[in-house]
Amino acid sequence: MKKKTFAWSLVVLFFCAGCSQPLRTLMELGGEQKAQQAYVRQKQARFEALLRDIERQRLLPGLRKERVVARYGEPVLTEGGVFLYRDPVDFVGAKKVYLEFNDRDLLDSIKVTGHES
């Protein structure tokens, strides 16, 4: 009887050991998804703050590039002296903000295109 119980204990142990790695992988994946969702929420909040500040005329020419990045995060695209900001998820037909900086890294112009879905 003890041998049978011991044998079954070994079978259960090997079964659990075989399942533990996939279970750990699923748990890690869930943690990564939460981190990704938090990242997207943060990017969306910063983009909404940018749109709100433009609408309320709080973002004005003359602001230093570093201050813009500190407040609104890294742009989606930087080409020359132009920054592109947009929603991190909804990028077809959504609003896009182009911020153009001069050679002294000061904000020169603000252009908002597109519309909200």
PDB file of N, CA and C in Angstrom:
ATOM      1  N   MET A   1       0.813  -1.181   0.000  1.00  0.00           N
ATOM      2  CA  MET A   1       0.000   0.000   0.000  1.00  0.00           C
ATOM      3  C   MET A   1       0.869   1.262   0.000  1.00  0.00           C
ATOM      4  N   LYS A   2       1.954   1.251   0.786  1.00  0.00           N
ATOM      5  CA  LYS A   2       2.841   2.404   0.854  1.00  0.00           C
ATOM      6  C   LYS A   2       3.501   2.647  -0.492  1.00  0.00           C
ATOM      7  N   LYS A   3       3.821   1.550  -1.221  1.00  0.00           N
ATOM      8  CA  LYS A   3       4.463   1.702  -2.533  1.00  0.00           C
ATOM      9  C   LYS A   3       3.499   2.349  -3.522  1.00  0.00           C
ATOM     10  N   LYS A   4       2.212   1.962  -3.447  1.00  0.00           N
ATOM     11  CA  LYS A   4       1.218   2.538  -4.338  1.00  0.00           C
ATOM     12  C   LYS A   4       1.040   4.038  -4.056  1.00  0.00           C
ATOM     13  N   THR A   5       0.962   4.386  -2.790  1.00  0.00           N
ATOM     14  CA  THR A   5       0.809   5.790  -2.405  1.00  0.00           C
ATOM     15  C   THR A   5       2.026   6.593  -2.835  1.00  0.00           C
ATOM     16  N   PHE A   6       3.195   6.010  -2.653  1.00  0.00           N
ATOM     17  CA  PHE A   6       4.430   6.675  -3.064  1.00  0.00           C
ATOM     18  C   PHE A   6       4.449   6.855  -4.574  1.00  0.00           C
ATOM     19  N   ALA A   7       4.034   5.840  -5.325  1.00  0.00           N
ATOM     20  CA  ALA A   7       4.015   5.910  -6.792  1.00  0.00           C
ATOM     21  C   ALA A   7       3.048   7.002  -7.260  1.00  0.00           C
ATOM     22  N   TRP A   8       1.870   7.056  -6.647  1.00  0.00           N
ATOM     23  CA  TRP A   8       0.900   8.086  -7.017  1.00  0.00           C
ATOM     24  C   TRP A   8       1.413   9.479  -6.646  1.00  0.00           C
ATOM     25  N   SER A   9       2.096   9.558  -5.554  1.00  0.00           N
ATOM     26  CA  SER A   9       2.670  10.847  -5.147  1.00  0.00           C
ATOM     27  C   SER A   9       3.684  11.322  -6.177  1.00  0.00           C
ATOM     28  N   LEU A  10       4.490  10.379  -6.683  1.00  0.00           N
ATOM     29  CA  LEU A  10       5.466  10.731  -7.719  1.00  0.00           C
ATOM     30  C   LEU A  10       4.771  11.172  -9.003  1.00  0.00           C
ATOM     31  N   VAL A  11       3.700  10.475  -9.375  1.00  0.00           N
ATOM     32  CA  VAL A  11       2.964  10.846 -10.592  1.00  0.00           C
ATOM     33  C   VAL A  11       2.395  12.251 -10.450  1.00  0.00           C
ATOM     34  N   VAL A  12       1.778  12.541  -9.305  1.00  0.00           N
ATOM     35  CA  VAL A  12       1.213  13.874  -9.066  1.00  0.00           C
ATOM     36  C   VAL A  12       2.319  14.926  -9.061  1.00  0.00           C
ATOM     37  N   LEU A  13       3.438  14.612  -8.450  1.00  0.00           N
ATOM     38  CA  LEU A  13       4.559  15.550  -8.401  1.00  0.00           C
ATOM     39  C   LEU A  13       5.074  15.864  -9.800  1.00  0.00           C
ATOM     40  N   PHE A  14       5.261  14.840 -10.629  1.00  0.00           N
ATOM     41  CA  PHE A  14       5.742  15.069 -11.997  1.00  0.00           C
ATOM     42  C   PHE A  14       4.706  15.829 -12.823  1.00  0.00           C
ATOM     43  N   PHE A  15       3.424  15.521 -12.603  1.00  0.00           N
ATOM     44  CA  PHE A  15       2.374  16.221 -13.328  1.00  0.00           C
ATOM     45  C   PHE A  15       2.380  17.706 -12.967  1.00  0.00           C
ATOM     46  N   CYS A  16       2.474  17.998 -11.684  1.00  0.00           N
ATOM     47  CA  CYS A  16       2.498  19.401 -11.238  1.00  0.00           C
ATOM     48  C   CYS A  16       3.759  20.110 -11.705  1.00  0.00           C
ATOM     49  N   ALA A  17       4.872  19.410 -11.692  1.00  0.00           N
ATOM     50  CA  ALA A  17       6.125  20.021 -12.145  1.00  0.00           C
ATOM     51  C   ALA A  17       6.043  20.337 -13.633  1.00  0.00           C
ATOM     52  N   GLY A  18       5.385  19.482 -14.405  1.00  0.00           N
ATOM     53  CA  GLY A  18       5.222  19.716 -15.837  1.00  0.00           C
ATOM     54  C   GLY A  18       4.306  20.891 -16.126  1.00  0.00           C
ATOM     55  N   CYS A  19       3.340  21.116 -15.268  1.00  0.00           N
ATOM     56  CA  CYS A  19       2.376  22.210 -15.478  1.00  0.00           C
ATOM     57  C   CYS A  19       2.876  23.538 -14.936  1.00  0.00           C
ATOM     58  N   SER A  20       3.831  23.507 -14.052  1.00  0.00           N
ATOM     59  CA  SER A  20       4.228  24.745 -13.393  1.00  0.00           C
ATOM     60  C   SER A  20       4.863  25.747 -14.353  1.00  0.00           C
ATOM     61  N   GLN A  21       5.650  25.279 -15.310  1.00  0.00           N
ATOM     62  CA  GLN A  21       6.289  26.215 -16.238  1.00  0.00           C
ATOM     63  C   GLN A  21       5.260  26.912 -17.125  1.00  0.00           C
ATOM     64  N   PRO A  22       4.328  26.197 -17.741  1.00  0.00           N
ATOM     65  CA  PRO A  22       3.310  26.922 -18.521  1.00  0.00           C
ATOM     66  C   PRO A  22       2.481  27.876 -17.653  1.00  0.00           C
ATOM     67  N   LEU A  23       2.203  27.476 -16.423  1.00  0.00           N
ATOM     68  CA  LEU A  23       1.449  28.328 -15.523  1.00  0.00           C
ATOM     69  C   LEU A  23       2.238  29.592 -15.197  1.00  0.00           C
ATOM     70  N   ARG A  24       3.534  29.435 -14.940  1.00  0.00           N
ATOM     71  CA  ARG A  24       4.386  30.605 -14.689  1.00  0.00           C
ATOM     72  C   ARG A  24       4.432  31.525 -15.908  1.00  0.00           C
ATOM     73  N   THR A  25       4.506  30.915 -17.090  1.00  0.00           N
ATOM     74  CA  THR A  25       4.536  31.698 -18.324  1.00  0.00           C
ATOM     75  C   THR A  25       3.251  32.501 -18.485  1.00  0.00           C
ATOM     76  N   LEU A  26       2.116  31.880 -18.200  1.00  0.00           N
ATOM     77  CA  LEU A  26       0.848  32.594 -18.289  1.00  0.00           C
ATOM     78  C   LEU A  26       0.772  33.728 -17.278  1.00  0.00           C
ATOM     79  N   MET A  27       1.277  33.507 -16.087  1.00  0.00           N
ATOM     80  CA  MET A  27       1.278  34.542 -15.058  1.00  0.00           C
ATOM     81  C   MET A  27       2.165  35.708 -15.476  1.00  0.00           C
ATOM     82  N   GLU A  28       3.334  35.412 -16.057  1.00  0.00           N
ATOM     83  CA  GLU A  28       4.228  36.471 -16.523  1.00  0.00           C
ATOM     84  C   GLU A  28       3.592  37.253 -17.662  1.00  0.00           C
ATOM     85  N   LEU A  29       2.903  36.538 -18.559  1.00  0.00           N
ATOM     86  CA  LEU A  29       2.231  37.188 -19.676  1.00  0.00           C
ATOM     87  C   LEU A  29       1.155  38.139 -19.163  1.00  0.00           C
ATOM     88  N   GLY A  30       0.412  37.716 -18.159  1.00  0.00           N
ATOM     89  CA  GLY A  30      -0.602  38.583 -17.562  1.00  0.00           C
ATOM     90  C   GLY A  30       0.017  39.835 -16.975  1.00  0.00           C
ATOM     91  N   GLY A  31       1.170  39.689 -16.331  1.00  0.00           N
ATOM     92  CA  GLY A  31       1.870  40.843 -15.773  1.00  0.00           C
ATOM     93  C   GLY A  31       2.341  41.789 -16.863  1.00  0.00           C
ATOM     94  N   GLU A  32       2.831  41.246 -17.979  1.00  0.00           N
ATOM     95  CA  GLU A  32       3.275  42.078 -19.099  1.00  0.00           C
ATOM     96  C   GLU A  32       2.101  42.836 -19.707  1.00  0.00           C
ATOM     97  N   GLN A  33       0.965  42.166 -19.826  1.00  0.00           N
ATOM     98  CA  GLN A  33      -0.207  42.828 -20.389  1.00  0.00           C
ATOM     99  C   GLN A  33      -0.654  43.993 -19.509  1.00  0.00           C
ATOM    100  N   LYS A  34      -0.592  43.816 -18.209  1.00  0.00           N
ATOM    101  CA  LYS A  34      -0.945  44.909 -17.298  1.00  0.00           C
ATOM    102  C   LYS A  34       0.019  46.075 -17.463  1.00  0.00           C
ATOM    103  N   ALA A  35       1.299  45.777 -17.614  1.00  0.00           N
ATOM    104  CA  ALA A  35       2.297  46.835 -17.808  1.00  0.00           C
ATOM    105  C   ALA A  35       2.063  47.557 -19.136  1.00  0.00           C
ATOM    106  N   GLN A  36       1.714  46.804 -20.177  1.00  0.00           N
ATOM    107  CA  GLN A  36       1.440  47.415 -21.475  1.00  0.00           C
ATOM    108  C   GLN A  36       0.206  48.306 -21.407  1.00  0.00           C
ATOM    109  N   GLN A  37      -0.818  47.845 -20.721  1.00  0.00           N
ATOM    110  CA  GLN A  37      -2.034  48.640 -20.583  1.00  0.00           C
ATOM    111  C   GLN A  37      -1.760  49.923 -19.812  1.00  0.00           C
ATOM    112  N   ALA A  38      -0.946  49.833 -18.780  1.00  0.00           N
ATOM    113  CA  ALA A  38      -0.591  51.028 -17.998  1.00  0.00           C
ATOM    114  C   ALA A  38       0.195  52.008 -18.868  1.00  0.00           C
ATOM    115  N   TYR A  39       1.101  51.498 -19.702  1.00  0.00           N
ATOM    116  CA  TYR A  39       1.895  52.330 -20.595  1.00  0.00           C
ATOM    117  C   TYR A  39       0.986  53.062 -21.585  1.00  0.00           C
ATOM    118  N   VAL A  40       0.030  52.337 -22.170  1.00  0.00           N
ATOM    119  CA  VAL A  40      -0.885  52.933 -23.140  1.00  0.00           C
ATOM    120  C   VAL A  40      -1.760  53.987 -22.464  1.00  0.00           C
ATOM    121  N   ARG A  41      -2.253  53.687 -21.263  1.00  0.00           N
ATOM    122  CA  ARG A  41      -3.077  54.665 -20.527  1.00  0.00           C
ATOM    123  C   ARG A  41      -2.286  55.951 -20.257  1.00  0.00           C
ATOM    124  N   GLN A  42      -1.007  55.792 -19.891  1.00  0.00           N
ATOM    125  CA  GLN A  42      -0.175  56.966 -19.628  1.00  0.00           C
ATOM    126  C   GLN A  42       0.018  57.787 -20.907  1.00  0.00           C
ATOM    127  N   LYS A  43       0.296  57.123 -22.020  1.00  0.00           N
ATOM    128  CA  LYS A  43       0.481  57.828 -23.292  1.00  0.00           C
ATOM    129  C   LYS A  43      -0.806  58.537 -23.714  1.00  0.00           C
ATOM    130  N   GLN A  44      -1.952  57.868 -23.532  1.00  0.00           N
ATOM    131  CA  GLN A  44      -3.226  58.489 -23.883  1.00  0.00           C
ATOM    132  C   GLN A  44      -3.497  59.709 -23.009  1.00  0.00           C
ATOM    133  N   ALA A  45      -3.214  59.609 -21.732  1.00  0.00           N
ATOM    134  CA  ALA A  45      -3.436  60.725 -20.814  1.00  0.00           C
ATOM    135  C   ALA A  45      -2.562  61.920 -21.190  1.00  0.00           C
ATOM    136  N   ARG A  46      -1.320  61.659 -21.571  1.00  0.00           N
ATOM    137  CA  ARG A  46      -0.431  62.757 -21.968  1.00  0.00           C
ATOM    138  C   ARG A  46      -0.890  63.404 -23.270  1.00  0.00           C
ATOM    139  N   PHE A  47      -1.375  62.571 -24.211  1.00  0.00           N
ATOM    140  CA  PHE A  47      -1.875  63.127 -25.475  1.00  0.00           C
ATOM    141  C   PHE A  47      -3.130  63.957 -25.228  1.00  0.00           C
ATOM    142  N   GLU A  48      -4.016  63.484 -24.377  1.00  0.00           N
ATOM    143  CA  GLU A  48      -5.219  64.244 -24.035  1.00  0.00           C
ATOM    144  C   GLU A  48      -4.856  65.563 -23.344  1.00  0.00           C
ATOM    145  N   ALA A  49      -3.830  65.537 -22.501  1.00  0.00           N
ATOM    146  CA  ALA A  49      -3.365  66.764 -21.847  1.00  0.00           C
ATOM    147  C   ALA A  49      -2.825  67.745 -22.890  1.00  0.00           C
ATOM    148  N   LEU A  50      -2.117  67.231 -23.888  1.00  0.00           N
ATOM    149  CA  LEU A  50      -1.598  68.077 -24.970  1.00  0.00           C
ATOM    150  C   LEU A  50      -2.747  68.733 -25.720  1.00  0.00           C
ATOM    151  N   LEU A  51      -3.746  67.961 -26.110  1.00  0.00           N
ATOM    152  CA  LEU A  51      -4.897  68.521 -26.825  1.00  0.00           C
ATOM    153  C   LEU A  51      -5.634  69.549 -25.966  1.00  0.00           C
ATOM    154  N   ARG A  52      -5.797  69.240 -24.704  1.00  0.00           N
ATOM    155  CA  ARG A  52      -6.486  70.153 -23.783  1.00  0.00           C
ATOM    156  C   ARG A  52      -5.701  71.471 -23.638  1.00  0.00           C
ATOM    157  N   ASP A  53      -4.371  71.355 -23.498  1.00  0.00           N
ATOM    158  CA  ASP A  53      -3.546  72.555 -23.350  1.00  0.00           C
ATOM    159  C   ASP A  53      -3.560  73.407 -24.621  1.00  0.00           C
ATOM    160  N   ILE A  54      -3.605  72.758 -25.779  1.00  0.00           N
ATOM    161  CA  ILE A  54      -3.691  73.514 -27.039  1.00  0.00           C
ATOM    162  C   ILE A  54      -5.035  74.222 -27.109  1.00  0.00           C
ATOM    163  N   GLU A  55      -6.106  73.509 -26.780  1.00  0.00           N
ATOM    164  CA  GLU A  55      -7.450  74.081 -26.831  1.00  0.00           C
ATOM    165  C   GLU A  55      -7.595  75.269 -25.884  1.00  0.00           C
ATOM    166  N   ARG A  56      -6.981  75.173 -24.719  1.00  0.00           N
ATOM    167  CA  ARG A  56      -7.078  76.246 -23.715  1.00  0.00           C
ATOM    168  C   ARG A  56      -5.978  77.296 -23.871  1.00  0.00           C
ATOM    169  N   GLN A  57      -5.215  77.165 -24.941  1.00  0.00           N
ATOM    170  CA  GLN A  57      -4.108  78.080 -25.267  1.00  0.00           C
ATOM    171  C   GLN A  57      -3.069  78.152 -24.154  1.00  0.00           C
ATOM    172  N   ARG A  58      -2.776  77.009 -23.573  1.00  0.00           N
ATOM    173  CA  ARG A  58      -1.722  76.928 -22.554  1.00  0.00           C
ATOM    174  C   ARG A  58      -0.382  76.540 -23.175  1.00  0.00           C
ATOM    175  N   LEU A  59      -0.436  75.967 -24.367  1.00  0.00           N
ATOM    176  CA  LEU A  59       0.788  75.614 -25.083  1.00  0.00           C
ATOM    177  C   LEU A  59       1.007  76.692 -26.133  1.00  0.00           C
ATOM    178  N   LEU A  60       2.007  77.496 -25.921  1.00  0.00           N
ATOM    179  CA  LEU A  60       2.250  78.634 -26.799  1.00  0.00           C
ATOM    180  C   LEU A  60       3.652  78.586 -27.386  1.00  0.00           C
ATOM    181  N   PRO A  61       3.842  79.210 -28.551  1.00  0.00           N
ATOM    182  CA  PRO A  61       5.183  79.288 -29.131  1.00  0.00           C
ATOM    183  C   PRO A  61       6.165  79.919 -28.153  1.00  0.00           C
ATOM    184  N   GLY A  62       7.414  79.460 -28.241  1.00  0.00           N
ATOM    185  CA  GLY A  62       8.475  79.956 -27.377  1.00  0.00           C
ATOM    186  C   GLY A  62       8.868  78.967 -26.293  1.00  0.00           C
ATOM    187  N   LEU A  63       8.086  77.929 -26.110  1.00  0.00           N
ATOM    188  CA  LEU A  63       8.387  76.922 -25.091  1.00  0.00           C
ATOM    189  C   LEU A  63       9.558  76.052 -25.548  1.00  0.00           C
ATOM    190  N   ARG A  64      10.450  75.725 -24.626  1.00  0.00           N
ATOM    191  CA  ARG A  64      11.614  74.909 -24.964  1.00  0.00           C
ATOM    192  C   ARG A  64      11.212  73.457 -25.230  1.00  0.00           C
ATOM    193  N   LYS A  65      11.944  72.844 -26.145  1.00  0.00           N
ATOM    194  CA  LYS A  65      11.679  71.468 -26.543  1.00  0.00           C
ATOM    195  C   LYS A  65      11.709  70.515 -25.346  1.00  0.00           C
ATOM    196  N   GLU A  66      12.657  70.715 -24.444  1.00  0.00           N
ATOM    197  CA  GLU A  66      12.778  69.827 -23.275  1.00  0.00           C
ATOM    198  C   GLU A  66      11.538  69.898 -22.392  1.00  0.00           C
ATOM    199  N   ARG A  67      10.960  71.081 -22.261  1.00  0.00           N
ATOM    200  CA  ARG A  67       9.745  71.252 -21.449  1.00  0.00           C
ATOM    201  C   ARG A  67       8.567  70.530 -22.084  1.00  0.00           C
ATOM    202  N   VAL A  68       8.497  70.575 -23.412  1.00  0.00           N
ATOM    203  CA  VAL A  68       7.414  69.881 -24.120  1.00  0.00           C
ATOM    204  C   VAL A  68       7.524  68.380 -23.881  1.00  0.00           C
ATOM    205  N   VAL A  69       8.724  67.837 -24.033  1.00  0.00           N
ATOM    206  CA  VAL A  69       8.927  66.399 -23.835  1.00  0.00           C
ATOM    207  C   VAL A  69       8.671  66.012 -22.385  1.00  0.00           C
ATOM    208  N   ALA A  70       9.086  66.848 -21.452  1.00  0.00           N
ATOM    209  CA  ALA A  70       8.856  66.551 -20.035  1.00  0.00           C
ATOM    210  C   ALA A  70       7.365  66.513 -19.717  1.00  0.00           C
ATOM    211  N   ARG A  71       6.595  67.384 -20.336  1.00  0.00           N
ATOM    212  CA  ARG A  71       5.157  67.465 -20.042  1.00  0.00           C
ATOM    213  C   ARG A  71       4.328  66.431 -20.804  1.00  0.00           C
ATOM    214  N   TYR A  72       4.644  66.230 -22.091  1.00  0.00           N
ATOM    215  CA  TYR A  72       3.787  65.402 -22.946  1.00  0.00           C
ATOM    216  C   TYR A  72       4.428  64.085 -23.368  1.00  0.00           C
ATOM    217  N   GLY A  73       5.644  63.837 -22.961  1.00  0.00           N
ATOM    218  CA  GLY A  73       6.320  62.587 -23.298  1.00  0.00           C
ATOM    219  C   GLY A  73       7.015  62.667 -24.645  1.00  0.00           C
ATOM    220  N   GLU A  74       7.663  61.579 -24.981  1.00  0.00           N
ATOM    221  CA  GLU A  74       8.364  61.509 -26.267  1.00  0.00           C
ATOM    222  C   GLU A  74       7.345  61.481 -27.403  1.00  0.00           C
ATOM    223  N   PRO A  75       7.631  62.184 -28.493  1.00  0.00           N
ATOM    224  CA  PRO A  75       6.696  62.159 -29.629  1.00  0.00           C
ATOM    225  C   PRO A  75       6.727  60.800 -30.330  1.00  0.00           C
ATOM    226  N   VAL A  76       5.680  60.545 -31.097  1.00  0.00           N
ATOM    227  CA  VAL A  76       5.606  59.306 -31.869  1.00  0.00           C
ATOM    228  C   VAL A  76       6.668  59.323 -32.966  1.00  0.00           C
ATOM    229  N   LEU A  77       6.875  60.496 -33.538  1.00  0.00           N
ATOM    230  CA  LEU A  77       7.822  60.641 -34.639  1.00  0.00           C
ATOM    231  C   LEU A  77       8.491  62.002 -34.534  1.00  0.00           C
ATOM    232  N   THR A  78       9.782  62.027 -34.800  1.00  0.00           N
ATOM    233  CA  THR A  78      10.530  63.273 -34.857  1.00  0.00           C
ATOM    234  C   THR A  78      11.218  63.327 -36.206  1.00  0.00           C
ATOM    235  N   GLU A  79      10.946  64.381 -36.945  1.00  0.00           N
ATOM    236  CA  GLU A  79      11.595  64.539 -38.244  1.00  0.00           C
ATOM    237  C   GLU A  79      12.062  65.977 -38.362  1.00  0.00           C
ATOM    238  N   GLY A  80      13.374  66.137 -38.373  1.00  0.00           N
ATOM    239  CA  GLY A  80      13.913  67.491 -38.379  1.00  0.00           C
ATOM    240  C   GLY A  80      13.538  68.190 -37.086  1.00  0.00           C
ATOM    241  N   GLY A  81      12.902  69.322 -37.193  1.00  0.00           N
ATOM    242  CA  GLY A  81      12.478  70.052 -36.011  1.00  0.00           C
ATOM    243  C   GLY A  81      10.993  69.900 -35.730  1.00  0.00           C
ATOM    244  N   VAL A  82      10.374  68.843 -36.276  1.00  0.00           N
ATOM    245  CA  VAL A  82       8.936  68.649 -36.117  1.00  0.00           C
ATOM    246  C   VAL A  82       8.670  67.403 -35.281  1.00  0.00           C
ATOM    247  N   PHE A  83       7.816  67.570 -34.279  1.00  0.00           N
ATOM    248  CA  PHE A  83       7.363  66.450 -33.443  1.00  0.00           C
ATOM    249  C   PHE A  83       5.943  66.087 -33.863  1.00  0.00           C
ATOM    250  N   LEU A  84       5.671  64.789 -33.912  1.00  0.00           N
ATOM    251  CA  LEU A  84       4.309  64.313 -34.160  1.00  0.00           C
ATOM    252  C   LEU A  84       3.808  63.602 -32.915  1.00  0.00           C
ATOM    253  N   TYR A  85       2.655  64.036 -32.429  1.00  0.00           N
ATOM    254  CA  TYR A  85       1.977  63.375 -31.322  1.00  0.00           C
ATOM    255  C   TYR A  85       0.621  62.892 -31.827  1.00  0.00           C
ATOM    256  N   ARG A  86       0.219  61.702 -31.390  1.00  0.00           N
ATOM    257  CA  ARG A  86      -1.105  61.170 -31.717  1.00  0.00           C
ATOM    258  C   ARG A  86      -1.483  60.157 -30.648  1.00  0.00           C
ATOM    259  N   ASP A  87      -2.727  59.716 -30.682  1.00  0.00           N
ATOM    260  CA  ASP A  87      -3.184  58.691 -29.746  1.00  0.00           C
ATOM    261  C   ASP A  87      -2.383  57.414 -30.001  1.00  0.00           C
ATOM    262  N   PRO A  88      -1.934  56.717 -28.965  1.00  0.00           N
ATOM    263  CA  PRO A  88      -1.101  55.534 -29.174  1.00  0.00           C
ATOM    264  C   PRO A  88      -1.851  54.333 -29.750  1.00  0.00           C
ATOM    265  N   VAL A  89      -3.181  54.363 -29.720  1.00  0.00           N
ATOM    266  CA  VAL A  89      -3.955  53.219 -30.201  1.00  0.00           C
ATOM    267  C   VAL A  89      -4.774  53.583 -31.433  1.00  0.00           C
ATOM    268  N   ASP A  90      -5.520  54.667 -31.350  1.00  0.00           N
ATOM    269  CA  ASP A  90      -6.417  55.076 -32.429  1.00  0.00           C
ATOM    270  C   ASP A  90      -5.686  56.056 -33.335  1.00  0.00           C
ATOM    271  N   PHE A  91      -5.037  55.549 -34.375  1.00  0.00           N
ATOM    272  CA  PHE A  91      -4.252  56.448 -35.210  1.00  0.00           C
ATOM    273  C   PHE A  91      -4.803  56.610 -36.618  1.00  0.00           C
ATOM    274  N   VAL A  92      -5.945  56.016 -36.927  1.00  0.00           N
ATOM    275  CA  VAL A  92      -6.556  56.212 -38.239  1.00  0.00           C
ATOM    276  C   VAL A  92      -7.710  57.193 -38.070  1.00  0.00           C
ATOM    277  N   GLY A  93      -7.563  58.366 -38.628  1.00  0.00           N
ATOM    278  CA  GLY A  93      -8.616  59.368 -38.559  1.00  0.00           C
ATOM    279  C   GLY A  93      -8.643  60.166 -37.271  1.00  0.00           C
ATOM    280  N   ALA A  94      -7.822  59.824 -36.316  1.00  0.00           N
ATOM    281  CA  ALA A  94      -7.805  60.555 -35.047  1.00  0.00           C
ATOM    282  C   ALA A  94      -6.981  61.826 -35.199  1.00  0.00           C
ATOM    283  N   LYS A  95      -7.058  62.682 -34.204  1.00  0.00           N
ATOM    284  CA  LYS A  95      -6.291  63.928 -34.231  1.00  0.00           C
ATOM    285  C   LYS A  95      -4.796  63.647 -34.153  1.00  0.00           C
ATOM    286  N   LYS A  96      -4.057  64.484 -34.868  1.00  0.00           N
ATOM    287  CA  LYS A  96      -2.590  64.449 -34.817  1.00  0.00           C
ATOM    288  C   LYS A  96      -2.123  65.865 -34.526  1.00  0.00           C
ATOM    289  N   VAL A  97      -1.067  65.962 -33.730  1.00  0.00           N
ATOM    290  CA  VAL A  97      -0.523  67.271 -33.370  1.00  0.00           C
ATOM    291  C   VAL A  97       0.912  67.341 -33.879  1.00  0.00           C
ATOM    292  N   TYR A  98       1.176  68.376 -34.667  1.00  0.00           N
ATOM    293  CA  TYR A  98       2.526  68.628 -35.171  1.00  0.00           C
ATOM    294  C   TYR A  98       3.063  69.859 -34.462  1.00  0.00           C
ATOM    295  N   LEU A  99       4.184  69.693 -33.792  1.00  0.00           N
ATOM    296  CA  LEU A  99       4.843  70.801 -33.113  1.00  0.00           C
ATOM    297  C   LEU A  99       6.162  71.060 -33.827  1.00  0.00           C
ATOM    298  N   GLU A 100       6.335  72.260 -34.322  1.00  0.00           N
ATOM    299  CA  GLU A 100       7.552  72.608 -35.054  1.00  0.00           C
ATOM    300  C   GLU A 100       8.435  73.492 -34.176  1.00  0.00           C
ATOM    301  N   PHE A 101       9.717  73.118 -34.098  1.00  0.00           N
ATOM    302  CA  PHE A 101      10.696  73.849 -33.288  1.00  0.00           C
ATOM    303  C   PHE A 101      11.708  74.515 -34.201  1.00  0.00           C
ATOM    304  N   ASN A 102      12.215  75.663 -33.763  1.00  0.00           N
ATOM    305  CA  ASN A 102      13.221  76.365 -34.551  1.00  0.00           C
ATOM    306  C   ASN A 102      14.620  75.835 -34.213  1.00  0.00           C
ATOM    307  N   ASP A 103      15.641  76.471 -34.781  1.00  0.00           N
ATOM    308  CA  ASP A 103      17.015  75.993 -34.572  1.00  0.00           C
ATOM    309  C   ASP A 103      17.522  76.231 -33.158  1.00  0.00           C
ATOM    310  N   ARG A 104      16.795  77.024 -32.369  1.00  0.00           N
ATOM    311  CA  ARG A 104      17.163  77.229 -30.959  1.00  0.00           C
ATOM    312  C   ARG A 104      16.346  76.326 -30.030  1.00  0.00           C
ATOM    313  N   ASP A 105      15.651  75.345 -30.607  1.00  0.00           N
ATOM    314  CA  ASP A 105      14.817  74.387 -29.868  1.00  0.00           C
ATOM    315  C   ASP A 105      13.654  75.046 -29.130  1.00  0.00           C
ATOM    316  N   LEU A 106      13.116  76.113 -29.725  1.00  0.00           N
ATOM    317  CA  LEU A 106      11.934  76.773 -29.181  1.00  0.00           C
ATOM    318  C   LEU A 106      10.746  76.466 -30.082  1.00  0.00           C
ATOM    319  N   LEU A 107       9.603  76.262 -29.472  1.00  0.00           N
ATOM    320  CA  LEU A 107       8.388  75.950 -30.220  1.00  0.00           C
ATOM    321  C   LEU A 107       8.013  77.121 -31.117  1.00  0.00           C
ATOM    322  N   ASP A 108       7.869  76.820 -32.410  1.00  0.00           N
ATOM    323  CA  ASP A 108       7.532  77.844 -33.398  1.00  0.00           C
ATOM    324  C   ASP A 108       6.057  77.806 -33.781  1.00  0.00           C
ATOM    325  N   SER A 109       5.553  76.593 -34.065  1.00  0.00           N
ATOM    326  CA  SER A 109       4.167  76.510 -34.515  1.00  0.00           C
ATOM    327  C   SER A 109       3.518  75.209 -34.048  1.00  0.00           C
ATOM    328  N   ILE A 110       2.193  75.257 -33.990  1.00  0.00           N
ATOM    329  CA  ILE A 110       1.382  74.126 -33.546  1.00  0.00           C
ATOM    330  C   ILE A 110       0.321  73.891 -34.611  1.00  0.00           C
ATOM    331  N   LYS A 111       0.208  72.641 -35.050  1.00  0.00           N
ATOM    332  CA  LYS A 111      -0.812  72.311 -36.061  1.00  0.00           C
ATOM    333  C   LYS A 111      -1.535  71.046 -35.607  1.00  0.00           C
ATOM    334  N   VAL A 112      -2.858  71.122 -35.566  1.00  0.00           N
ATOM    335  CA  VAL A 112      -3.683  69.970 -35.199  1.00  0.00           C
ATOM    336  C   VAL A 112      -4.467  69.570 -36.441  1.00  0.00           C
ATOM    337  N   THR A 113      -4.392  68.277 -36.806  1.00  0.00           N
ATOM    338  CA  THR A 113      -5.122  67.769 -37.959  1.00  0.00           C
ATOM    339  C   THR A 113      -5.993  66.593 -37.546  1.00  0.00           C
ATOM    340  N   GLY A 114      -6.925  66.229 -38.425  1.00  0.00           N
ATOM    341  CA  GLY A 114      -7.783  65.079 -38.175  1.00  0.00           C
ATOM    342  C   GLY A 114      -8.948  65.457 -37.288  1.00  0.00           C
ATOM    343  N   HIS A 115      -9.696  64.436 -36.926  1.00  0.00           N
ATOM    344  CA  HIS A 115     -10.850  64.621 -36.059  1.00  0.00           C
ATOM    345  C   HIS A 115     -10.995  63.398 -35.173  1.00  0.00           C
ATOM    346  N   GLU A 116     -11.747  63.547 -34.120  1.00  0.00           N
ATOM    347  CA  GLU A 116     -11.967  62.412 -33.227  1.00  0.00           C
ATOM    348  C   GLU A 116     -13.031  61.514 -33.819  1.00  0.00           C
ATOM    349  N   SER A 117     -12.868  60.221 -33.590  1.00  0.00           N
ATOM    350  CA  SER A 117     -13.833  59.248 -34.109  1.00  0.00           C
ATOM    351  C   SER A 117     -15.076  59.253 -33.256  1.00  0.00           C
TER     352      SER A 117
END
